[in-house]
Amino acid sequence: IKDPDVKLPLPVLSIKVNLFGTGTLVD
């Protein structure tokens, strides 16, 4: 990444990960 002004707004509490590959999402 080179752009000094890059922005990435994210609703972090809503990020979900299928942490164990079982289909159960952990937010």
PDB file of all heavy atoms in Angstrom:
ATOM      1  N   ILE A   1       0.851  -1.197   0.000  1.00  0.00           N
ATOM      2  CA  ILE A   1       0.000   0.000   0.000  1.00  0.00           C
ATOM      3  C   ILE A   1       0.881   1.240   0.000  1.00  0.00           C
ATOM      4  O   ILE A   1       1.766   1.391   0.841  1.00  0.00           O
ATOM      5  CB  ILE A   1      -0.947  -0.010   1.215  1.00  0.00           C
ATOM      6  CG1 ILE A   1      -1.951  -1.159   1.077  1.00  0.00           C
ATOM      7  CG2 ILE A   1      -1.659   1.322   1.378  1.00  0.00           C
ATOM      8  CD1 ILE A   1      -2.826  -1.366   2.289  1.00  0.00           C
ATOM      9  N   LYS A   2       0.615   2.151  -0.931  1.00  0.00           N
ATOM     10  CA  LYS A   2       1.421   3.364  -1.081  1.00  0.00           C
ATOM     11  C   LYS A   2       0.649   4.640  -0.749  1.00  0.00           C
ATOM     12  O   LYS A   2       1.256   5.646  -0.368  1.00  0.00           O
ATOM     13  CB  LYS A   2       1.942   3.464  -2.525  1.00  0.00           C
ATOM     14  CG  LYS A   2       2.729   2.247  -3.000  1.00  0.00           C
ATOM     15  CD  LYS A   2       3.950   1.988  -2.134  1.00  0.00           C
ATOM     16  CE  LYS A   2       4.740   0.773  -2.636  1.00  0.00           C
ATOM     17  NZ  LYS A   2       5.843   0.413  -1.718  1.00  0.00           N
ATOM     18  N   ASP A   3      -0.667   4.624  -0.909  1.00  0.00           N
ATOM     19  CA  ASP A   3      -1.468   5.832  -0.727  1.00  0.00           C
ATOM     20  C   ASP A   3      -1.452   6.280   0.736  1.00  0.00           C
ATOM     21  O   ASP A   3      -1.974   5.579   1.607  1.00  0.00           O
ATOM     22  CB  ASP A   3      -2.906   5.550  -1.170  1.00  0.00           C
ATOM     23  CG  ASP A   3      -3.803   6.776  -1.075  1.00  0.00           C
ATOM     24  OD1 ASP A   3      -3.300   7.856  -0.701  1.00  0.00           O
ATOM     25  OD2 ASP A   3      -5.008   6.653  -1.372  1.00  0.00           O
ATOM     26  N   PRO A   4      -0.866   7.462   1.049  1.00  0.00           N
ATOM     27  CA  PRO A   4      -0.830   7.913   2.448  1.00  0.00           C
ATOM     28  C   PRO A   4      -2.193   8.296   2.996  1.00  0.00           C
ATOM     29  O   PRO A   4      -2.354   8.433   4.214  1.00  0.00           O
ATOM     30  CB  PRO A   4       0.109   9.122   2.393  1.00  0.00           C
ATOM     31  CG  PRO A   4      -0.016   9.637   0.986  1.00  0.00           C
ATOM     32  CD  PRO A   4      -0.228   8.426   0.134  1.00  0.00           C
ATOM     33  N   ASP A   5      -3.178   8.461   2.109  1.00  0.00           N
ATOM     34  CA  ASP A   5      -4.515   8.880   2.526  1.00  0.00           C
ATOM     35  C   ASP A   5      -5.541   7.744   2.455  1.00  0.00           C
ATOM     36  O   ASP A   5      -6.748   7.994   2.513  1.00  0.00           O
ATOM     37  CB  ASP A   5      -4.996  10.042   1.653  1.00  0.00           C
ATOM     38  CG  ASP A   5      -4.089  11.258   1.757  1.00  0.00           C
ATOM     39  OD1 ASP A   5      -3.705  11.600   2.896  1.00  0.00           O
ATOM     40  OD2 ASP A   5      -3.751  11.857   0.711  1.00  0.00           O
ATOM     41  N   VAL A   6      -5.066   6.509   2.337  1.00  0.00           N
ATOM     42  CA  VAL A   6      -5.995   5.387   2.214  1.00  0.00           C
ATOM     43  C   VAL A   6      -6.875   5.286   3.462  1.00  0.00           C
ATOM     44  O   VAL A   6      -6.418   5.532   4.579  1.00  0.00           O
ATOM     45  CB  VAL A   6      -5.219   4.064   1.989  1.00  0.00           C
ATOM     46  CG1 VAL A   6      -4.381   3.684   3.207  1.00  0.00           C
ATOM     47  CG2 VAL A   6      -6.161   2.921   1.625  1.00  0.00           C
ATOM     48  N   LYS A   7      -8.164   4.965   3.255  1.00  0.00           N
ATOM     49  CA  LYS A   7      -9.117   4.807   4.352  1.00  0.00           C
ATOM     50  C   LYS A   7      -9.861   3.490   4.177  1.00  0.00           C
ATOM     51  O   LYS A   7     -10.171   3.075   3.052  1.00  0.00           O
ATOM     52  CB  LYS A   7     -10.141   5.949   4.364  1.00  0.00           C
ATOM     53  CG  LYS A   7      -9.553   7.347   4.496  1.00  0.00           C
ATOM     54  CD  LYS A   7      -9.086   7.628   5.900  1.00  0.00           C
ATOM     55  CE  LYS A   7      -8.635   9.082   6.053  1.00  0.00           C
ATOM     56  NZ  LYS A   7      -8.140   9.377   7.415  1.00  0.00           N
ATOM     57  N   LEU A   8     -10.172   2.843   5.286  1.00  0.00           N
ATOM     58  CA  LEU A   8     -10.953   1.608   5.246  1.00  0.00           C
ATOM     59  C   LEU A   8     -11.923   1.606   6.436  1.00  0.00           C
ATOM     60  O   LEU A   8     -11.607   1.061   7.496  1.00  0.00           O
ATOM     61  CB  LEU A   8     -10.050   0.380   5.288  1.00  0.00           C
ATOM     62  CG  LEU A   8     -10.769  -0.976   5.138  1.00  0.00           C
ATOM     63  CD1 LEU A   8     -11.333  -1.141   3.729  1.00  0.00           C
ATOM     64  CD2 LEU A   8      -9.819  -2.136   5.454  1.00  0.00           C
ATOM     65  N   PRO A   9     -13.091   2.221   6.289  1.00  0.00           N
ATOM     66  CA  PRO A   9     -14.066   2.202   7.384  1.00  0.00           C
ATOM     67  C   PRO A   9     -14.729   0.832   7.491  1.00  0.00           C
ATOM     68  O   PRO A   9     -15.224   0.291   6.506  1.00  0.00           O
ATOM     69  CB  PRO A   9     -15.078   3.277   6.961  1.00  0.00           C
ATOM     70  CG  PRO A   9     -14.980   3.335   5.470  1.00  0.00           C
ATOM     71  CD  PRO A   9     -13.562   2.988   5.124  1.00  0.00           C
ATOM     72  N   LEU A  10     -14.734   0.265   8.700  1.00  0.00           N
ATOM     73  CA  LEU A  10     -15.311  -1.066   8.897  1.00  0.00           C
ATOM     74  C   LEU A  10     -16.117  -1.115  10.193  1.00  0.00           C
ATOM     75  O   LEU A  10     -15.654  -0.624  11.233  1.00  0.00           O
ATOM     76  CB  LEU A  10     -14.207  -2.131   8.961  1.00  0.00           C
ATOM     77  CG  LEU A  10     -13.457  -2.460   7.675  1.00  0.00           C
ATOM     78  CD1 LEU A  10     -12.318  -3.429   7.961  1.00  0.00           C
ATOM     79  CD2 LEU A  10     -14.388  -3.032   6.619  1.00  0.00           C
ATOM     80  N   PRO A  11     -17.298  -1.757  10.162  1.00  0.00           N
ATOM     81  CA  PRO A  11     -18.062  -2.006  11.396  1.00  0.00           C
ATOM     82  C   PRO A  11     -17.480  -3.216  12.109  1.00  0.00           C
ATOM     83  O   PRO A  11     -17.929  -4.351  11.921  1.00  0.00           O
ATOM     84  CB  PRO A  11     -19.477  -2.263  10.870  1.00  0.00           C
ATOM     85  CG  PRO A  11     -19.281  -2.838   9.505  1.00  0.00           C
ATOM     86  CD  PRO A  11     -18.017  -2.225   8.959  1.00  0.00           C
ATOM     87  N   VAL A  12     -16.479  -3.021  12.918  1.00  0.00           N
ATOM     88  CA  VAL A  12     -15.640  -4.115  13.413  1.00  0.00           C
ATOM     89  C   VAL A  12     -16.401  -5.146  14.245  1.00  0.00           C
ATOM     90  O   VAL A  12     -16.053  -6.333  14.238  1.00  0.00           O
ATOM     91  CB  VAL A  12     -14.442  -3.571  14.218  1.00  0.00           C
ATOM     92  CG1 VAL A  12     -13.488  -2.826  13.311  1.00  0.00           C
ATOM     93  CG2 VAL A  12     -14.912  -2.674  15.353  1.00  0.00           C
ATOM     94  N   LEU A  13     -17.442  -4.709  14.972  1.00  0.00           N
ATOM     95  CA  LEU A  13     -18.186  -5.666  15.789  1.00  0.00           C
ATOM     96  C   LEU A  13     -19.048  -6.592  14.947  1.00  0.00           C
ATOM     97  O   LEU A  13     -19.514  -7.624  15.429  1.00  0.00           O
ATOM     98  CB  LEU A  13     -19.051  -4.937  16.815  1.00  0.00           C
ATOM     99  CG  LEU A  13     -18.292  -4.116  17.861  1.00  0.00           C
ATOM    100  CD1 LEU A  13     -19.265  -3.446  18.818  1.00  0.00           C
ATOM    101  CD2 LEU A  13     -17.313  -4.986  18.637  1.00  0.00           C
ATOM    102  N   SER A  14     -19.239  -6.231  13.678  1.00  0.00           N
ATOM    103  CA  SER A  14     -20.057  -7.055  12.790  1.00  0.00           C
ATOM    104  C   SER A  14     -19.223  -7.984  11.915  1.00  0.00           C
ATOM    105  O   SER A  14     -19.771  -8.754  11.125  1.00  0.00           O
ATOM    106  CB  SER A  14     -20.923  -6.157  11.890  1.00  0.00           C
ATOM    107  OG  SER A  14     -21.834  -5.401  12.658  1.00  0.00           O
ATOM    108  N   ILE A  15     -17.903  -7.903  12.016  1.00  0.00           N
ATOM    109  CA  ILE A  15     -17.042  -8.819  11.254  1.00  0.00           C
ATOM    110  C   ILE A  15     -17.235 -10.235  11.781  1.00  0.00           C
ATOM    111  O   ILE A  15     -17.245 -10.470  12.988  1.00  0.00           O
ATOM    112  CB  ILE A  15     -15.566  -8.392  11.368  1.00  0.00           C
ATOM    113  CG1 ILE A  15     -15.350  -7.057  10.647  1.00  0.00           C
ATOM    114  CG2 ILE A  15     -14.643  -9.469  10.796  1.00  0.00           C
ATOM    115  CD1 ILE A  15     -13.958  -6.494  10.808  1.00  0.00           C
ATOM    116  N   LYS A  16     -17.397 -11.172  10.881  1.00  0.00           N
ATOM    117  CA  LYS A  16     -17.665 -12.563  11.257  1.00  0.00           C
ATOM    118  C   LYS A  16     -16.610 -13.486  10.646  1.00  0.00           C
ATOM    119  O   LYS A  16     -16.186 -13.295   9.508  1.00  0.00           O
ATOM    120  CB  LYS A  16     -19.061 -12.987  10.796  1.00  0.00           C
ATOM    121  CG  LYS A  16     -20.199 -12.188  11.421  1.00  0.00           C
ATOM    122  CD  LYS A  16     -21.547 -12.665  10.907  1.00  0.00           C
ATOM    123  CE  LYS A  16     -22.689 -11.903  11.561  1.00  0.00           C
ATOM    124  NZ  LYS A  16     -22.693 -10.469  11.183  1.00  0.00           N
ATOM    125  N   VAL A  17     -16.217 -14.482  11.433  1.00  0.00           N
ATOM    126  CA  VAL A  17     -15.212 -15.456  10.980  1.00  0.00           C
ATOM    127  C   VAL A  17     -15.734 -16.860  11.254  1.00  0.00           C
ATOM    128  O   VAL A  17     -16.214 -17.150  12.354  1.00  0.00           O
ATOM    129  CB  VAL A  17     -13.871 -15.240  11.721  1.00  0.00           C
ATOM    130  CG1 VAL A  17     -12.833 -16.242  11.231  1.00  0.00           C
ATOM    131  CG2 VAL A  17     -13.366 -13.814  11.530  1.00  0.00           C
ATOM    132  N   ASN A  18     -15.648 -17.718  10.242  1.00  0.00           N
ATOM    133  CA  ASN A  18     -16.004 -19.133  10.391  1.00  0.00           C
ATOM    134  C   ASN A  18     -14.788 -19.827  11.000  1.00  0.00           C
ATOM    135  O   ASN A  18     -14.046 -20.539  10.324  1.00  0.00           O
ATOM    136  CB  ASN A  18     -16.363 -19.723   9.029  1.00  0.00           C
ATOM    137  CG  ASN A  18     -16.816 -21.167   9.118  1.00  0.00           C
ATOM    138  OD1 ASN A  18     -17.066 -21.701  10.208  1.00  0.00           O
ATOM    139  ND2 ASN A  18     -16.915 -21.823   7.976  1.00  0.00           N
ATOM    140  N   LEU A  19     -14.581 -19.587  12.296  1.00  0.00           N
ATOM    141  CA  LEU A  19     -13.298 -19.838  12.922  1.00  0.00           C
ATOM    142  C   LEU A  19     -12.872 -21.302  12.920  1.00  0.00           C
ATOM    143  O   LEU A  19     -11.681 -21.603  12.916  1.00  0.00           O
ATOM    144  CB  LEU A  19     -13.317 -19.304  14.357  1.00  0.00           C
ATOM    145  CG  LEU A  19     -11.964 -19.119  15.040  1.00  0.00           C
ATOM    146  CD1 LEU A  19     -11.053 -18.215  14.216  1.00  0.00           C
ATOM    147  CD2 LEU A  19     -12.140 -18.551  16.423  1.00  0.00           C
ATOM    148  N   PHE A  20     -13.810 -22.227  12.935  1.00  0.00           N
ATOM    149  CA  PHE A  20     -13.445 -23.646  12.991  1.00  0.00           C
ATOM    150  C   PHE A  20     -13.971 -24.434  11.793  1.00  0.00           C
ATOM    151  O   PHE A  20     -14.006 -25.659  11.833  1.00  0.00           O
ATOM    152  CB  PHE A  20     -13.931 -24.271  14.300  1.00  0.00           C
ATOM    153  CG  PHE A  20     -13.113 -23.842  15.489  1.00  0.00           C
ATOM    154  CD1 PHE A  20     -13.501 -22.753  16.240  1.00  0.00           C
ATOM    155  CD2 PHE A  20     -11.943 -24.495  15.831  1.00  0.00           C
ATOM    156  CE1 PHE A  20     -12.751 -22.334  17.327  1.00  0.00           C
ATOM    157  CE2 PHE A  20     -11.180 -24.088  16.906  1.00  0.00           C
ATOM    158  CZ  PHE A  20     -11.582 -23.001  17.659  1.00  0.00           C
ATOM    159  N   GLY A  21     -14.385 -23.733  10.742  1.00  0.00           N
ATOM    160  CA  GLY A  21     -14.816 -24.425   9.539  1.00  0.00           C
ATOM    161  C   GLY A  21     -16.075 -25.242   9.715  1.00  0.00           C
ATOM    162  O   GLY A  21     -16.344 -26.149   8.922  1.00  0.00           O
ATOM    163  N   THR A  22     -16.870 -24.950  10.758  1.00  0.00           N
ATOM    164  CA  THR A  22     -18.091 -25.715  11.026  1.00  0.00           C
ATOM    165  C   THR A  22     -19.333 -25.000  10.523  1.00  0.00           C
ATOM    166  O   THR A  22     -20.426 -25.538  10.611  1.00  0.00           O
ATOM    167  CB  THR A  22     -18.244 -25.944  12.536  1.00  0.00           C
ATOM    168  OG1 THR A  22     -18.364 -24.675  13.203  1.00  0.00           O
ATOM    169  CG2 THR A  22     -17.048 -26.697  13.100  1.00  0.00           C
ATOM    170  N   GLY A  23     -19.175 -23.784  10.006  1.00  0.00           N
ATOM    171  CA  GLY A  23     -20.317 -22.991   9.580  1.00  0.00           C
ATOM    172  C   GLY A  23     -20.820 -22.042  10.647  1.00  0.00           C
ATOM    173  O   GLY A  23     -21.626 -21.161  10.356  1.00  0.00           O
ATOM    174  N   THR A  24     -20.359 -22.194  11.885  1.00  0.00           N
ATOM    175  CA  THR A  24     -20.743 -21.286  12.967  1.00  0.00           C
ATOM    176  C   THR A  24     -19.857 -20.054  12.894  1.00  0.00           C
ATOM    177  O   THR A  24     -18.628 -20.158  13.011  1.00  0.00           O
ATOM    178  CB  THR A  24     -20.587 -21.964  14.344  1.00  0.00           C
ATOM    179  OG1 THR A  24     -21.446 -23.101  14.393  1.00  0.00           O
ATOM    180  CG2 THR A  24     -20.963 -20.997  15.457  1.00  0.00           C
ATOM    181  N   LEU A  25     -20.470 -18.893  12.698  1.00  0.00           N
ATOM    182  CA  LEU A  25     -19.717 -17.659  12.564  1.00  0.00           C
ATOM    183  C   LEU A  25     -19.539 -16.991  13.922  1.00  0.00           C
ATOM    184  O   LEU A  25     -20.497 -16.844  14.683  1.00  0.00           O
ATOM    185  CB  LEU A  25     -20.435 -16.703  11.605  1.00  0.00           C
ATOM    186  CG  LEU A  25     -20.614 -17.206  10.165  1.00  0.00           C
ATOM    187  CD1 LEU A  25     -21.414 -16.209   9.349  1.00  0.00           C
ATOM    188  CD2 LEU A  25     -19.262 -17.464   9.510  1.00  0.00           C
ATOM    189  N   VAL A  26     -18.321 -16.602  14.217  1.00  0.00           N
ATOM    190  CA  VAL A  26     -18.007 -15.874  15.437  1.00  0.00           C
ATOM    191  C   VAL A  26     -17.828 -14.411  15.056  1.00  0.00           C
ATOM    192  O   VAL A  26     -17.031 -14.091  14.178  1.00  0.00           O
ATOM    193  CB  VAL A  26     -16.717 -16.413  16.090  1.00  0.00           C
ATOM    194  CG1 VAL A  26     -16.391 -15.650  17.363  1.00  0.00           C
ATOM    195  CG2 VAL A  26     -16.853 -17.898  16.383  1.00  0.00           C
ATOM    196  N   ASP A  27     -18.587 -13.513  15.690  1.00  0.00           N
ATOM    197  CA  ASP A  27     -18.523 -12.112  15.275  1.00  0.00           C
ATOM    198  C   ASP A  27     -17.510 -11.324  16.086  1.00  0.00           C
ATOM    199  O   ASP A  27     -16.929 -11.801  17.062  1.00  0.00           O
ATOM    200  CB  ASP A  27     -19.908 -11.451  15.334  1.00  0.00           C
ATOM    201  CG  ASP A  27     -20.473 -11.372  16.745  1.00  0.00           C
ATOM    202  OD1 ASP A  27     -19.691 -11.404  17.697  1.00  0.00           O
ATOM    203  OD2 ASP A  27     -21.709 -11.275  16.887  1.00  0.00           O
TER     204      ASP A  27
END
